[in-house]
Amino acid sequence: MKIGIVISTNEPEVVWNAFRFGNTALKESHQVKVFLLNKGVEIEDIKNAKYNVAEQTDLFLKSKGHILACGTCLKSRDKGSSSVCPISTMKDLLKLIEESDRVLTFG
């Protein structure tokens, strides 16, 4: 199954759980893409001892998960592209939704 996940928050527990779900789906041989939107593009700034977002994100990328990030949202926060937050567009989000069998939103 192709699963799309849209994350639009920087709340540590929510983002941590979104990536935990994504990692679980990848382990079960599903294809997973994440689109970061709104405050979700701030993922690299999340520092929380209890909810280790960086660890879950790294595992997701190493497990062949894909992450896209809203370019406009990044630019509005004076952020650029990175390996975790590659600049993408609304057309990329539309394509993710069109290609996915299921789409989940967090935030």
C-alpha atoms as a PDB file:
ATOM      1  CA  MET A   1       0.000   0.000   0.000  1.00  0.00           C
ATOM      2  CA  LYS A   2       1.128   3.565  -0.664  1.00  0.00           C
ATOM      3  CA  ILE A   3       0.651   5.763   2.397  1.00  0.00           C
ATOM      4  CA  GLY A   4       0.867   9.553   2.432  1.00  0.00           C
ATOM      5  CA  ILE A   5       1.373  11.414   5.698  1.00  0.00           C
ATOM      6  CA  VAL A   6       0.904  15.179   6.042  1.00  0.00           C
ATOM      7  CA  ILE A   7       2.475  16.748   9.132  1.00  0.00           C
ATOM      8  CA  SER A   8       1.517  20.361   9.844  1.00  0.00           C
ATOM      9  CA  THR A   9       2.725  20.815  13.415  1.00  0.00           C
ATOM     10  CA  ASN A  10       6.000  21.087  15.311  1.00  0.00           C
ATOM     11  CA  GLU A  11       4.498  19.567  18.492  1.00  0.00           C
ATOM     12  CA  PRO A  12       7.113  16.958  19.521  1.00  0.00           C
ATOM     13  CA  GLU A  13       4.799  14.123  20.583  1.00  0.00           C
ATOM     14  CA  VAL A  14       2.597  14.434  17.484  1.00  0.00           C
ATOM     15  CA  VAL A  15       5.539  14.494  15.056  1.00  0.00           C
ATOM     16  CA  TRP A  16       7.247  11.640  16.923  1.00  0.00           C
ATOM     17  CA  ASN A  17       4.112   9.498  16.656  1.00  0.00           C
ATOM     18  CA  ALA A  18       3.645  10.347  12.967  1.00  0.00           C
ATOM     19  CA  PHE A  19       7.142   9.070  12.205  1.00  0.00           C
ATOM     20  CA  ARG A  20       6.720   6.050  14.478  1.00  0.00           C
ATOM     21  CA  PHE A  21       3.659   5.156  12.407  1.00  0.00           C
ATOM     22  CA  GLY A  22       5.594   5.752   9.184  1.00  0.00           C
ATOM     23  CA  ASN A  23       8.417   3.511  10.392  1.00  0.00           C
ATOM     24  CA  THR A  24       5.968   0.783  11.346  1.00  0.00           C
ATOM     25  CA  ALA A  25       4.394   0.952   7.885  1.00  0.00           C
ATOM     26  CA  LEU A  26       7.814   0.762   6.201  1.00  0.00           C
ATOM     27  CA  LYS A  27       8.692  -2.320   8.276  1.00  0.00           C
ATOM     28  CA  GLU A  28       5.503  -3.914   6.951  1.00  0.00           C
ATOM     29  CA  SER A  29       6.686  -3.266   3.365  1.00  0.00           C
ATOM     30  CA  HIS A  30       4.429  -0.302   2.620  1.00  0.00           C
ATOM     31  CA  GLN A  31       5.653   2.733   0.681  1.00  0.00           C
ATOM     32  CA  VAL A  32       5.467   5.912   2.750  1.00  0.00           C
ATOM     33  CA  LYS A  33       5.890   9.576   1.835  1.00  0.00           C
ATOM     34  CA  VAL A  34       5.663  12.457   4.294  1.00  0.00           C
ATOM     35  CA  PHE A  35       4.812  16.039   3.332  1.00  0.00           C
ATOM     36  CA  LEU A  36       5.760  18.725   5.859  1.00  0.00           C
ATOM     37  CA  LEU A  37       3.445  21.733   5.828  1.00  0.00           C
ATOM     38  CA  ASN A  38       2.997  24.824   8.013  1.00  0.00           C
ATOM     39  CA  LYS A  39       4.937  24.409  11.287  1.00  0.00           C
ATOM     40  CA  GLY A  40       5.804  20.870  10.201  1.00  0.00           C
ATOM     41  CA  VAL A  41       8.746  22.254   8.215  1.00  0.00           C
ATOM     42  CA  GLU A  42      10.353  23.147  11.562  1.00  0.00           C
ATOM     43  CA  ILE A  43      11.023  19.447  12.205  1.00  0.00           C
ATOM     44  CA  GLU A  44      14.800  19.847  12.456  1.00  0.00           C
ATOM     45  CA  ASP A  45      14.367  22.361  15.294  1.00  0.00           C
ATOM     46  CA  ILE A  46      12.380  19.972  17.502  1.00  0.00           C
ATOM     47  CA  LYS A  47      14.436  19.083  20.573  1.00  0.00           C
ATOM     48  CA  ASN A  48      12.692  17.003  23.213  1.00  0.00           C
ATOM     49  CA  ALA A  49      14.225  14.444  25.574  1.00  0.00           C
ATOM     50  CA  LYS A  50      11.071  12.345  25.816  1.00  0.00           C
ATOM     51  CA  TYR A  51      10.050  12.421  22.131  1.00  0.00           C
ATOM     52  CA  ASN A  52      13.192  11.951  20.046  1.00  0.00           C
ATOM     53  CA  VAL A  53      11.952  13.194  16.674  1.00  0.00           C
ATOM     54  CA  ALA A  54      15.427  13.210  15.102  1.00  0.00           C
ATOM     55  CA  GLU A  55      15.885   9.513  15.876  1.00  0.00           C
ATOM     56  CA  GLN A  56      12.538   8.578  14.313  1.00  0.00           C
ATOM     57  CA  THR A  57      13.178  10.820  11.288  1.00  0.00           C
ATOM     58  CA  ASP A  58      16.628   9.296  10.712  1.00  0.00           C
ATOM     59  CA  LEU A  59      15.191   5.778  10.923  1.00  0.00           C
ATOM     60  CA  PHE A  60      12.433   6.769   8.477  1.00  0.00           C
ATOM     61  CA  LEU A  61      14.944   8.065   5.912  1.00  0.00           C
ATOM     62  CA  LYS A  62      17.274   5.066   6.361  1.00  0.00           C
ATOM     63  CA  SER A  63      14.285   2.764   5.807  1.00  0.00           C
ATOM     64  CA  LYS A  64      13.660   4.373   2.411  1.00  0.00           C
ATOM     65  CA  GLY A  65      10.839   6.667   3.484  1.00  0.00           C
ATOM     66  CA  HIS A  66      10.559   9.931   1.549  1.00  0.00           C
ATOM     67  CA  ILE A  67      10.091  13.424   2.991  1.00  0.00           C
ATOM     68  CA  LEU A  68       8.937  16.514   1.096  1.00  0.00           C
ATOM     69  CA  ALA A  69       8.579  20.002   2.561  1.00  0.00           C
ATOM     70  CA  CYS A  70       6.504  22.993   1.488  1.00  0.00           C
ATOM     71  CA  GLY A  71       8.906  25.486  -0.068  1.00  0.00           C
ATOM     72  CA  THR A  72       6.689  28.470   0.716  1.00  0.00           C
ATOM     73  CA  CYS A  73       6.477  27.396   4.372  1.00  0.00           C
ATOM     74  CA  LEU A  74      10.265  27.018   4.530  1.00  0.00           C
ATOM     75  CA  LYS A  75      10.846  30.403   2.918  1.00  0.00           C
ATOM     76  CA  SER A  76       8.397  32.148   5.266  1.00  0.00           C
ATOM     77  CA  ARG A  77      10.585  30.882   8.131  1.00  0.00           C
ATOM     78  CA  ASP A  78      13.842  31.908   6.404  1.00  0.00           C
ATOM     79  CA  LYS A  79      14.790  28.235   6.007  1.00  0.00           C
ATOM     80  CA  GLY A  80      16.288  26.532   2.999  1.00  0.00           C
ATOM     81  CA  SER A  81      16.301  23.020   1.667  1.00  0.00           C
ATOM     82  CA  SER A  82      18.019  20.232   3.605  1.00  0.00           C
ATOM     83  CA  SER A  83      18.260  16.454   3.430  1.00  0.00           C
ATOM     84  CA  VAL A  84      15.351  16.243   5.888  1.00  0.00           C
ATOM     85  CA  CYS A  85      13.344  19.123   4.375  1.00  0.00           C
ATOM     86  CA  PRO A  86      13.799  19.152   0.589  1.00  0.00           C
ATOM     87  CA  ILE A  87      11.924  22.043  -1.022  1.00  0.00           C
ATOM     88  CA  SER A  88       8.685  20.897  -2.650  1.00  0.00           C
ATOM     89  CA  THR A  89       5.504  22.506  -3.952  1.00  0.00           C
ATOM     90  CA  MET A  90       1.746  22.163  -3.695  1.00  0.00           C
ATOM     91  CA  LYS A  91       1.928  20.182  -6.955  1.00  0.00           C
ATOM     92  CA  ASP A  92       4.126  17.680  -5.116  1.00  0.00           C
ATOM     93  CA  LEU A  93       1.547  17.459  -2.320  1.00  0.00           C
ATOM     94  CA  LEU A  94      -1.205  16.932  -4.888  1.00  0.00           C
ATOM     95  CA  LYS A  95       0.834  14.164  -6.530  1.00  0.00           C
ATOM     96  CA  LEU A  96       1.428  12.522  -3.136  1.00  0.00           C
ATOM     97  CA  ILE A  97      -2.323  12.517  -2.476  1.00  0.00           C
ATOM     98  CA  GLU A  98      -3.181  11.241  -5.958  1.00  0.00           C
ATOM     99  CA  GLU A  99      -0.646   8.397  -5.727  1.00  0.00           C
ATOM    100  CA  SER A 100      -1.496   7.328  -2.163  1.00  0.00           C
ATOM    101  CA  ASP A 101      -3.975   4.623  -1.260  1.00  0.00           C
ATOM    102  CA  ARG A 102      -4.439   6.293   2.126  1.00  0.00           C
ATOM    103  CA  VAL A 103      -3.534   9.743   3.440  1.00  0.00           C
ATOM    104  CA  LEU A 104      -3.206  10.596   7.121  1.00  0.00           C
ATOM    105  CA  THR A 105      -2.801  14.046   8.623  1.00  0.00           C
ATOM    106  CA  PHE A 106      -1.059  14.902  11.885  1.00  0.00           C
ATOM    107  CA  GLY A 107      -1.393  18.349  13.375  1.00  0.00           C
END
